[in-house]
Amino acid sequence: DAKKKTVTVQAGIRVAELVDALREHGLTLQNFASIREQQVGGIIQVGAHGTGARLPPIDEQVISMKLVTPAKGTIELSREKDPDLFYLARCGLG
């Protein structure tokens, strides 16, 4: 959605592929690590960050997500919809 400057991607897309696809629409990621071969799901889970005091970690660019769980099936999370679980799921760190 170019107006909202949002994009929906699968966790397995590589950062390089995402950045290249966004460029075609005049968009990019706010920041991203130098390892462009990494998958989006992985780069979010490790709390990757760029350089600069004003650039947040990459996981802060995530505004919603779908998770497939063994107990609850597919669940949708966002700041508005189950915010506690959303913030926990957004970055793994271990």
PDB file of N, CA and C in Angstrom:
ATOM      1  N   ASP A   1       0.857  -1.171   0.000  1.00  0.00           N
ATOM      2  CA  ASP A   1       0.000   0.000   0.000  1.00  0.00           C
ATOM      3  C   ASP A   1       0.903   1.234   0.000  1.00  0.00           C
ATOM      4  N   ALA A   2       1.130   1.796  -1.165  1.00  0.00           N
ATOM      5  CA  ALA A   2       2.062   2.915  -1.296  1.00  0.00           C
ATOM      6  C   ALA A   2       1.599   4.147  -0.517  1.00  0.00           C
ATOM      7  N   LYS A   3       0.278   4.362  -0.431  1.00  0.00           N
ATOM      8  CA  LYS A   3      -0.217   5.526   0.324  1.00  0.00           C
ATOM      9  C   LYS A   3       0.119   5.423   1.807  1.00  0.00           C
ATOM     10  N   LYS A   4      -0.101   4.238   2.372  1.00  0.00           N
ATOM     11  CA  LYS A   4       0.187   4.028   3.793  1.00  0.00           C
ATOM     12  C   LYS A   4       1.656   3.686   4.041  1.00  0.00           C
ATOM     13  N   LYS A   5       2.379   3.445   2.955  1.00  0.00           N
ATOM     14  CA  LYS A   5       3.779   3.038   3.021  1.00  0.00           C
ATOM     15  C   LYS A   5       3.932   1.767   3.849  1.00  0.00           C
ATOM     16  N   THR A   6       3.051   0.789   3.566  1.00  0.00           N
ATOM     17  CA  THR A   6       3.124  -0.508   4.228  1.00  0.00           C
ATOM     18  C   THR A   6       3.205  -1.608   3.182  1.00  0.00           C
ATOM     19  N   VAL A   7       3.746  -2.751   3.596  1.00  0.00           N
ATOM     20  CA  VAL A   7       3.882  -3.887   2.697  1.00  0.00           C
ATOM     21  C   VAL A   7       3.675  -5.161   3.514  1.00  0.00           C
ATOM     22  N   THR A   8       3.070  -6.150   2.892  1.00  0.00           N
ATOM     23  CA  THR A   8       2.892  -7.449   3.520  1.00  0.00           C
ATOM     24  C   THR A   8       3.848  -8.430   2.852  1.00  0.00           C
ATOM     25  N   VAL A   9       4.644  -9.112   3.668  1.00  0.00           N
ATOM     26  CA  VAL A   9       5.617 -10.063   3.130  1.00  0.00           C
ATOM     27  C   VAL A   9       5.581 -11.353   3.935  1.00  0.00           C
ATOM     28  N   GLN A  10       6.068 -12.414   3.309  1.00  0.00           N
ATOM     29  CA  GLN A  10       6.252 -13.668   4.025  1.00  0.00           C
ATOM     30  C   GLN A  10       7.600 -13.625   4.726  1.00  0.00           C
ATOM     31  N   ALA A  11       7.693 -14.312   5.838  1.00  0.00           N
ATOM     32  CA  ALA A  11       8.914 -14.303   6.643  1.00  0.00           C
ATOM     33  C   ALA A  11      10.132 -14.813   5.880  1.00  0.00           C
ATOM     34  N   GLY A  12       9.922 -15.632   4.860  1.00  0.00           N
ATOM     35  CA  GLY A  12      11.035 -16.220   4.126  1.00  0.00           C
ATOM     36  C   GLY A  12      11.642 -15.358   3.033  1.00  0.00           C
ATOM     37  N   ILE A  13      11.043 -14.199   2.746  1.00  0.00           N
ATOM     38  CA  ILE A  13      11.625 -13.338   1.710  1.00  0.00           C
ATOM     39  C   ILE A  13      12.978 -12.807   2.190  1.00  0.00           C
ATOM     40  N   ARG A  14      13.909 -12.751   1.292  1.00  0.00           N
ATOM     41  CA  ARG A  14      15.234 -12.224   1.639  1.00  0.00           C
ATOM     42  C   ARG A  14      15.179 -10.691   1.630  1.00  0.00           C
ATOM     43  N   VAL A  15      15.979 -10.094   2.501  1.00  0.00           N
ATOM     44  CA  VAL A  15      16.008  -8.634   2.613  1.00  0.00           C
ATOM     45  C   VAL A  15      16.316  -7.999   1.257  1.00  0.00           C
ATOM     46  N   ALA A  16      17.252  -8.563   0.514  1.00  0.00           N
ATOM     47  CA  ALA A  16      17.614  -8.020  -0.802  1.00  0.00           C
ATOM     48  C   ALA A  16      16.413  -8.011  -1.740  1.00  0.00           C
ATOM     49  N   GLU A  17      15.651  -9.101  -1.747  1.00  0.00           N
ATOM     50  CA  GLU A  17      14.471  -9.183  -2.613  1.00  0.00           C
ATOM     51  C   GLU A  17      13.426  -8.147  -2.203  1.00  0.00           C
ATOM     52  N   LEU A  18      13.232  -7.992  -0.902  1.00  0.00           N
ATOM     53  CA  LEU A  18      12.257  -7.022  -0.410  1.00  0.00           C
ATOM     54  C   LEU A  18      12.657  -5.600  -0.769  1.00  0.00           C
ATOM     55  N   VAL A  19      13.905  -5.249  -0.509  1.00  0.00           N
ATOM     56  CA  VAL A  19      14.373  -3.892  -0.806  1.00  0.00           C
ATOM     57  C   VAL A  19      14.275  -3.599  -2.302  1.00  0.00           C
ATOM     58  N   ASP A  20      14.634  -4.575  -3.135  1.00  0.00           N
ATOM     59  CA  ASP A  20      14.535  -4.386  -4.583  1.00  0.00           C
ATOM     60  C   ASP A  20      13.084  -4.189  -5.018  1.00  0.00           C
ATOM     61  N   ALA A  21      12.161  -4.978  -4.444  1.00  0.00           N
ATOM     62  CA  ALA A  21      10.745  -4.841  -4.797  1.00  0.00           C
ATOM     63  C   ALA A  21      10.169  -3.512  -4.306  1.00  0.00           C
ATOM     64  N   LEU A  22      10.584  -3.072  -3.144  1.00  0.00           N
ATOM     65  CA  LEU A  22      10.095  -1.796  -2.604  1.00  0.00           C
ATOM     66  C   LEU A  22      10.571  -0.614  -3.450  1.00  0.00           C
ATOM     67  N   ARG A  23      11.799  -0.715  -3.952  1.00  0.00           N
ATOM     68  CA  ARG A  23      12.387   0.364  -4.753  1.00  0.00           C
ATOM     69  C   ARG A  23      11.509   0.701  -5.955  1.00  0.00           C
ATOM     70  N   GLU A  24      10.891  -0.319  -6.533  1.00  0.00           N
ATOM     71  CA  GLU A  24      10.024  -0.114  -7.700  1.00  0.00           C
ATOM     72  C   GLU A  24       8.821   0.775  -7.379  1.00  0.00           C
ATOM     73  N   HIS A  25       8.490   0.890  -6.089  1.00  0.00           N
ATOM     74  CA  HIS A  25       7.351   1.705  -5.651  1.00  0.00           C
ATOM     75  C   HIS A  25       7.796   2.965  -4.924  1.00  0.00           C
ATOM     76  N   GLY A  26       9.080   3.273  -4.996  1.00  0.00           N
ATOM     77  CA  GLY A  26       9.614   4.458  -4.337  1.00  0.00           C
ATOM     78  C   GLY A  26       9.692   4.309  -2.828  1.00  0.00           C
ATOM     79  N   LEU A  27       9.769   3.076  -2.345  1.00  0.00           N
ATOM     80  CA  LEU A  27       9.833   2.809  -0.909  1.00  0.00           C
ATOM     81  C   LEU A  27      11.110   2.056  -0.567  1.00  0.00           C
ATOM     82  N   THR A  28      11.435   2.015   0.709  1.00  0.00           N
ATOM     83  CA  THR A  28      12.535   1.204   1.212  1.00  0.00           C
ATOM     84  C   THR A  28      12.268   0.916   2.672  1.00  0.00           C
ATOM     85  N   LEU A  29      13.123   0.130   3.296  1.00  0.00           N
ATOM     86  CA  LEU A  29      13.020  -0.102   4.726  1.00  0.00           C
ATOM     87  C   LEU A  29      13.642   1.073   5.462  1.00  0.00           C
ATOM     88  N   GLN A  30      13.150   1.363   6.642  1.00  0.00           N
ATOM     89  CA  GLN A  30      13.685   2.477   7.427  1.00  0.00           C
ATOM     90  C   GLN A  30      15.163   2.250   7.709  1.00  0.00           C
ATOM     91  N   ASN A  31      15.517   1.038   8.010  1.00  0.00           N
ATOM     92  CA  ASN A  31      16.913   0.648   8.135  1.00  0.00           C
ATOM     93  C   ASN A  31      16.971  -0.854   7.969  1.00  0.00           C
ATOM     94  N   PHE A  32      18.119  -1.374   7.594  1.00  0.00           N
ATOM     95  CA  PHE A  32      18.306  -2.819   7.505  1.00  0.00           C
ATOM     96  C   PHE A  32      19.779  -3.124   7.619  1.00  0.00           C
ATOM     97  N   ALA A  33      20.061  -4.297   8.130  1.00  0.00           N
ATOM     98  CA  ALA A  33      21.444  -4.706   8.342  1.00  0.00           C
ATOM     99  C   ALA A  33      22.169  -4.888   7.014  1.00  0.00           C
ATOM    100  N   SER A  34      23.465  -4.994   7.088  1.00  0.00           N
ATOM    101  CA  SER A  34      24.272  -5.109   5.875  1.00  0.00           C
ATOM    102  C   SER A  34      24.183  -6.486   5.232  1.00  0.00           C
ATOM    103  N   ILE A  35      23.641  -7.466   5.924  1.00  0.00           N
ATOM    104  CA  ILE A  35      23.539  -8.817   5.378  1.00  0.00           C
ATOM    105  C   ILE A  35      22.209  -8.939   4.647  1.00  0.00           C
ATOM    106  N   ARG A  36      22.206  -8.602   3.383  1.00  0.00           N
ATOM    107  CA  ARG A  36      20.979  -8.560   2.591  1.00  0.00           C
ATOM    108  C   ARG A  36      20.456  -9.948   2.231  1.00  0.00           C
ATOM    109  N   GLU A  37      21.260 -11.002   2.415  1.00  0.00           N
ATOM    110  CA  GLU A  37      20.826 -12.355   2.083  1.00  0.00           C
ATOM    111  C   GLU A  37      19.932 -12.948   3.175  1.00  0.00           C
ATOM    112  N   GLN A  38      19.890 -12.309   4.329  1.00  0.00           N
ATOM    113  CA  GLN A  38      19.108 -12.818   5.447  1.00  0.00           C
ATOM    114  C   GLN A  38      17.613 -12.733   5.155  1.00  0.00           C
ATOM    115  N   GLN A  39      16.859 -13.676   5.694  1.00  0.00           N
ATOM    116  CA  GLN A  39      15.415 -13.654   5.530  1.00  0.00           C
ATOM    117  C   GLN A  39      14.799 -12.662   6.512  1.00  0.00           C
ATOM    118  N   VAL A  40      13.684 -12.073   6.127  1.00  0.00           N
ATOM    119  CA  VAL A  40      13.022 -11.071   6.955  1.00  0.00           C
ATOM    120  C   VAL A  40      12.652 -11.644   8.322  1.00  0.00           C
ATOM    121  N   GLY A  41      12.123 -12.865   8.356  1.00  0.00           N
ATOM    122  CA  GLY A  41      11.765 -13.474   9.635  1.00  0.00           C
ATOM    123  C   GLY A  41      12.955 -13.578  10.572  1.00  0.00           C
ATOM    124  N   GLY A  42      14.101 -13.893  10.035  1.00  0.00           N
ATOM    125  CA  GLY A  42      15.311 -14.014  10.846  1.00  0.00           C
ATOM    126  C   GLY A  42      15.853 -12.688  11.307  1.00  0.00           C
ATOM    127  N   ILE A  43      15.881 -11.714  10.423  1.00  0.00           N
ATOM    128  CA  ILE A  43      16.448 -10.408  10.766  1.00  0.00           C
ATOM    129  C   ILE A  43      15.596  -9.708  11.831  1.00  0.00           C
ATOM    130  N   ILE A  44      14.294  -9.959  11.805  1.00  0.00           N
ATOM    131  CA  ILE A  44      13.412  -9.380  12.822  1.00  0.00           C
ATOM    132  C   ILE A  44      13.648 -10.059  14.169  1.00  0.00           C
ATOM    133  N   GLN A  45      13.771 -11.376  14.162  1.00  0.00           N
ATOM    134  CA  GLN A  45      13.900 -12.120  15.407  1.00  0.00           C
ATOM    135  C   GLN A  45      15.199 -11.866  16.158  1.00  0.00           C
ATOM    136  N   VAL A  46      16.249 -11.476  15.482  1.00  0.00           N
ATOM    137  CA  VAL A  46      17.519 -11.229  16.168  1.00  0.00           C
ATOM    138  C   VAL A  46      17.670  -9.792  16.646  1.00  0.00           C
ATOM    139  N   GLY A  47      16.672  -8.964  16.410  1.00  0.00           N
ATOM    140  CA  GLY A  47      16.747  -7.571  16.869  1.00  0.00           C
ATOM    141  C   GLY A  47      17.795  -6.771  16.119  1.00  0.00           C
ATOM    142  N   ALA A  48      17.983  -7.083  14.844  1.00  0.00           N
ATOM    143  CA  ALA A  48      18.993  -6.382  14.042  1.00  0.00           C
ATOM    144  C   ALA A  48      18.724  -4.883  14.026  1.00  0.00           C
ATOM    145  N   HIS A  49      19.789  -4.138  13.868  1.00  0.00           N
ATOM    146  CA  HIS A  49      19.665  -2.679  13.874  1.00  0.00           C
ATOM    147  C   HIS A  49      20.687  -2.076  12.936  1.00  0.00           C
ATOM    148  N   GLY A  50      20.421  -0.868  12.543  1.00  0.00           N
ATOM    149  CA  GLY A  50      21.370  -0.118  11.726  1.00  0.00           C
ATOM    150  C   GLY A  50      22.219   0.745  12.638  1.00  0.00           C
ATOM    151  N   THR A  51      22.835   1.731  12.060  1.00  0.00           N
ATOM    152  CA  THR A  51      23.639   2.634  12.866  1.00  0.00           C
ATOM    153  C   THR A  51      22.944   3.983  12.952  1.00  0.00           C
ATOM    154  N   GLY A  52      23.095   4.623  14.056  1.00  0.00           N
ATOM    155  CA  GLY A  52      22.494   5.936  14.252  1.00  0.00           C
ATOM    156  C   GLY A  52      21.540   5.924  15.428  1.00  0.00           C
ATOM    157  N   ALA A  53      21.610   6.942  16.241  1.00  0.00           N
ATOM    158  CA  ALA A  53      20.811   7.025  17.457  1.00  0.00           C
ATOM    159  C   ALA A  53      19.318   7.149  17.176  1.00  0.00           C
ATOM    160  N   ARG A  54      18.959   7.621  16.013  1.00  0.00           N
ATOM    161  CA  ARG A  54      17.543   7.841  15.706  1.00  0.00           C
ATOM    162  C   ARG A  54      16.898   6.720  14.903  1.00  0.00           C
ATOM    163  N   LEU A  55      17.653   5.672  14.600  1.00  0.00           N
ATOM    164  CA  LEU A  55      17.124   4.552  13.835  1.00  0.00           C
ATOM    165  C   LEU A  55      16.749   3.414  14.781  1.00  0.00           C
ATOM    166  N   PRO A  56      15.476   3.039  14.811  1.00  0.00           N
ATOM    167  CA  PRO A  56      15.064   1.947  15.706  1.00  0.00           C
ATOM    168  C   PRO A  56      15.484   0.588  15.146  1.00  0.00           C
ATOM    169  N   PRO A  57      15.476  -0.442  15.996  1.00  0.00           N
ATOM    170  CA  PRO A  57      15.747  -1.794  15.497  1.00  0.00           C
ATOM    171  C   PRO A  57      14.712  -2.178  14.430  1.00  0.00           C
ATOM    172  N   ILE A  58      15.065  -3.111  13.595  1.00  0.00           N
ATOM    173  CA  ILE A  58      14.208  -3.501  12.479  1.00  0.00           C
ATOM    174  C   ILE A  58      12.841  -4.011  12.942  1.00  0.00           C
ATOM    175  N   ASP A  59      12.799  -4.720  14.081  1.00  0.00           N
ATOM    176  CA  ASP A  59      11.517  -5.269  14.525  1.00  0.00           C
ATOM    177  C   ASP A  59      10.476  -4.176  14.797  1.00  0.00           C
ATOM    178  N   GLU A  60      10.906  -2.954  15.041  1.00  0.00           N
ATOM    179  CA  GLU A  60       9.955  -1.861  15.271  1.00  0.00           C
ATOM    180  C   GLU A  60       9.250  -1.420  13.984  1.00  0.00           C
ATOM    181  N   GLN A  61       9.705  -1.902  12.839  1.00  0.00           N
ATOM    182  CA  GLN A  61       9.025  -1.611  11.583  1.00  0.00           C
ATOM    183  C   GLN A  61       7.839  -2.546  11.347  1.00  0.00           C
ATOM    184  N   VAL A  62       7.746  -3.613  12.131  1.00  0.00           N
ATOM    185  CA  VAL A  62       6.653  -4.584  11.998  1.00  0.00           C
ATOM    186  C   VAL A  62       5.414  -4.007  12.681  1.00  0.00           C
ATOM    187  N   ILE A  63       4.308  -3.918  11.932  1.00  0.00           N
ATOM    188  CA  ILE A  63       3.079  -3.367  12.512  1.00  0.00           C
ATOM    189  C   ILE A  63       2.019  -4.431  12.774  1.00  0.00           C
ATOM    190  N   SER A  64       2.181  -5.608  12.164  1.00  0.00           N
ATOM    191  CA  SER A  64       1.289  -6.731  12.440  1.00  0.00           C
ATOM    192  C   SER A  64       1.948  -7.997  11.916  1.00  0.00           C
ATOM    193  N   MET A  65       1.446  -9.136  12.387  1.00  0.00           N
ATOM    194  CA  MET A  65       1.992 -10.409  11.916  1.00  0.00           C
ATOM    195  C   MET A  65       0.982 -11.518  12.112  1.00  0.00           C
ATOM    196  N   LYS A  66       1.167 -12.561  11.320  1.00  0.00           N
ATOM    197  CA  LYS A  66       0.404 -13.796  11.477  1.00  0.00           C
ATOM    198  C   LYS A  66       1.385 -14.850  11.949  1.00  0.00           C
ATOM    199  N   LEU A  67       0.980 -15.587  12.963  1.00  0.00           N
ATOM    200  CA  LEU A  67       1.791 -16.683  13.462  1.00  0.00           C
ATOM    201  C   LEU A  67       0.983 -17.968  13.372  1.00  0.00           C
ATOM    202  N   VAL A  68       1.646 -19.042  13.007  1.00  0.00           N
ATOM    203  CA  VAL A  68       1.013 -20.350  12.998  1.00  0.00           C
ATOM    204  C   VAL A  68       1.514 -21.077  14.240  1.00  0.00           C
ATOM    205  N   THR A  69       0.587 -21.418  15.121  1.00  0.00           N
ATOM    206  CA  THR A  69       0.938 -22.057  16.385  1.00  0.00           C
ATOM    207  C   THR A  69       0.347 -23.460  16.460  1.00  0.00           C
ATOM    208  N   PRO A  70       0.954 -24.352  17.247  1.00  0.00           N
ATOM    209  CA  PRO A  70       0.400 -25.696  17.372  1.00  0.00           C
ATOM    210  C   PRO A  70      -0.896 -25.719  18.190  1.00  0.00           C
ATOM    211  N   ALA A  71      -1.050 -24.825  19.155  1.00  0.00           N
ATOM    212  CA  ALA A  71      -2.207 -24.860  20.045  1.00  0.00           C
ATOM    213  C   ALA A  71      -3.381 -24.022  19.565  1.00  0.00           C
ATOM    214  N   LYS A  72      -3.089 -22.859  18.986  1.00  0.00           N
ATOM    215  CA  LYS A  72      -4.161 -21.931  18.614  1.00  0.00           C
ATOM    216  C   LYS A  72      -4.341 -21.769  17.114  1.00  0.00           C
ATOM    217  N   GLY A  73      -3.606 -22.526  16.313  1.00  0.00           N
ATOM    218  CA  GLY A  73      -3.696 -22.367  14.866  1.00  0.00           C
ATOM    219  C   GLY A  73      -3.076 -21.049  14.436  1.00  0.00           C
ATOM    220  N   THR A  74      -3.592 -20.461  13.394  1.00  0.00           N
ATOM    221  CA  THR A  74      -3.070 -19.192  12.895  1.00  0.00           C
ATOM    222  C   THR A  74      -3.694 -18.042  13.685  1.00  0.00           C
ATOM    223  N   ILE A  75      -2.836 -17.195  14.230  1.00  0.00           N
ATOM    224  CA  ILE A  75      -3.313 -16.033  14.986  1.00  0.00           C
ATOM    225  C   ILE A  75      -2.741 -14.769  14.367  1.00  0.00           C
ATOM    226  N   GLU A  76      -3.503 -13.700  14.439  1.00  0.00           N
ATOM    227  CA  GLU A  76      -3.057 -12.403  13.939  1.00  0.00           C
ATOM    228  C   GLU A  76      -2.777 -11.499  15.123  1.00  0.00           C
ATOM    229  N   LEU A  77      -1.632 -10.839  15.076  1.00  0.00           N
ATOM    230  CA  LEU A  77      -1.203  -9.972  16.162  1.00  0.00           C
ATOM    231  C   LEU A  77      -0.863  -8.586  15.627  1.00  0.00           C
ATOM    232  N   SER A  78      -1.104  -7.567  16.431  1.00  0.00           N
ATOM    233  CA  SER A  78      -0.717  -6.197  16.096  1.00  0.00           C
ATOM    234  C   SER A  78      -0.705  -5.375  17.380  1.00  0.00           C
ATOM    235  N   ARG A  79      -0.384  -4.108  17.246  1.00  0.00           N
ATOM    236  CA  ARG A  79      -0.416  -3.212  18.409  1.00  0.00           C
ATOM    237  C   ARG A  79      -1.826  -3.091  18.969  1.00  0.00           C
ATOM    238  N   GLU A  80      -2.807  -3.226  18.080  1.00  0.00           N
ATOM    239  CA  GLU A  80      -4.203  -3.108  18.497  1.00  0.00           C
ATOM    240  C   GLU A  80      -4.811  -4.452  18.878  1.00  0.00           C
ATOM    241  N   LYS A  81      -4.375  -5.512  18.231  1.00  0.00           N
ATOM    242  CA  LYS A  81      -4.963  -6.839  18.419  1.00  0.00           C
ATOM    243  C   LYS A  81      -3.970  -7.720  19.185  1.00  0.00           C
ATOM    244  N   ASP A  82      -4.204  -7.907  20.465  1.00  0.00           N
ATOM    245  CA  ASP A  82      -3.345  -8.683  21.360  1.00  0.00           C
ATOM    246  C   ASP A  82      -1.937  -8.073  21.430  1.00  0.00           C
ATOM    247  N   PRO A  83      -1.853  -6.814  21.877  1.00  0.00           N
ATOM    248  CA  PRO A  83      -0.574  -6.111  21.873  1.00  0.00           C
ATOM    249  C   PRO A  83       0.507  -6.761  22.735  1.00  0.00           C
ATOM    250  N   ASP A  84       0.153  -7.349  23.868  1.00  0.00           N
ATOM    251  CA  ASP A  84       1.180  -7.968  24.714  1.00  0.00           C
ATOM    252  C   ASP A  84       1.883  -9.106  23.974  1.00  0.00           C
ATOM    253  N   LEU A  85       1.104  -9.982  23.366  1.00  0.00           N
ATOM    254  CA  LEU A  85       1.693 -11.091  22.618  1.00  0.00           C
ATOM    255  C   LEU A  85       2.423 -10.578  21.374  1.00  0.00           C
ATOM    256  N   PHE A  86       1.915  -9.544  20.743  1.00  0.00           N
ATOM    257  CA  PHE A  86       2.554  -8.952  19.561  1.00  0.00           C
ATOM    258  C   PHE A  86       3.983  -8.504  19.911  1.00  0.00           C
ATOM    259  N   TYR A  87       4.124  -7.761  21.005  1.00  0.00           N
ATOM    260  CA  TYR A  87       5.447  -7.261  21.369  1.00  0.00           C
ATOM    261  C   TYR A  87       6.386  -8.392  21.755  1.00  0.00           C
ATOM    262  N   LEU A  88       5.858  -9.443  22.364  1.00  0.00           N
ATOM    263  CA  LEU A  88       6.687 -10.593  22.702  1.00  0.00           C
ATOM    264  C   LEU A  88       7.130 -11.364  21.459  1.00  0.00           C
ATOM    265  N   ALA A  89       6.240 -11.507  20.502  1.00  0.00           N
ATOM    266  CA  ALA A  89       6.526 -12.300  19.302  1.00  0.00           C
ATOM    267  C   ALA A  89       7.382 -11.552  18.295  1.00  0.00           C
ATOM    268  N   ARG A  90       7.382 -10.245  18.357  1.00  0.00           N
ATOM    269  CA  ARG A  90       8.047  -9.441  17.339  1.00  0.00           C
ATOM    270  C   ARG A  90       9.556  -9.622  17.332  1.00  0.00           C
ATOM    271  N   CYS A  91      10.161  -9.862  18.476  1.00  0.00           N
ATOM    272  CA  CYS A  91      11.608 -10.025  18.539  1.00  0.00           C
ATOM    273  C   CYS A  91      11.934 -11.181  19.483  1.00  0.00           C
ATOM    274  N   GLY A  92      12.722 -12.148  19.020  1.00  0.00           N
ATOM    275  CA  GLY A  92      12.981 -13.361  19.776  1.00  0.00           C
ATOM    276  C   GLY A  92      14.104 -13.271  20.800  1.00  0.00           C
ATOM    277  N   LEU A  93      15.271 -12.901  20.344  1.00  0.00           N
ATOM    278  CA  LEU A  93      16.466 -12.785  21.183  1.00  0.00           C
ATOM    279  C   LEU A  93      16.702 -13.985  22.090  1.00  0.00           C
ATOM    280  N   GLY A  94      16.547 -15.170  21.548  1.00  0.00           N
ATOM    281  CA  GLY A  94      16.973 -16.306  22.324  1.00  0.00           C
ATOM    282  C   GLY A  94      15.986 -17.380  22.408  1.00  0.00           C
TER     283      GLY A  94
END
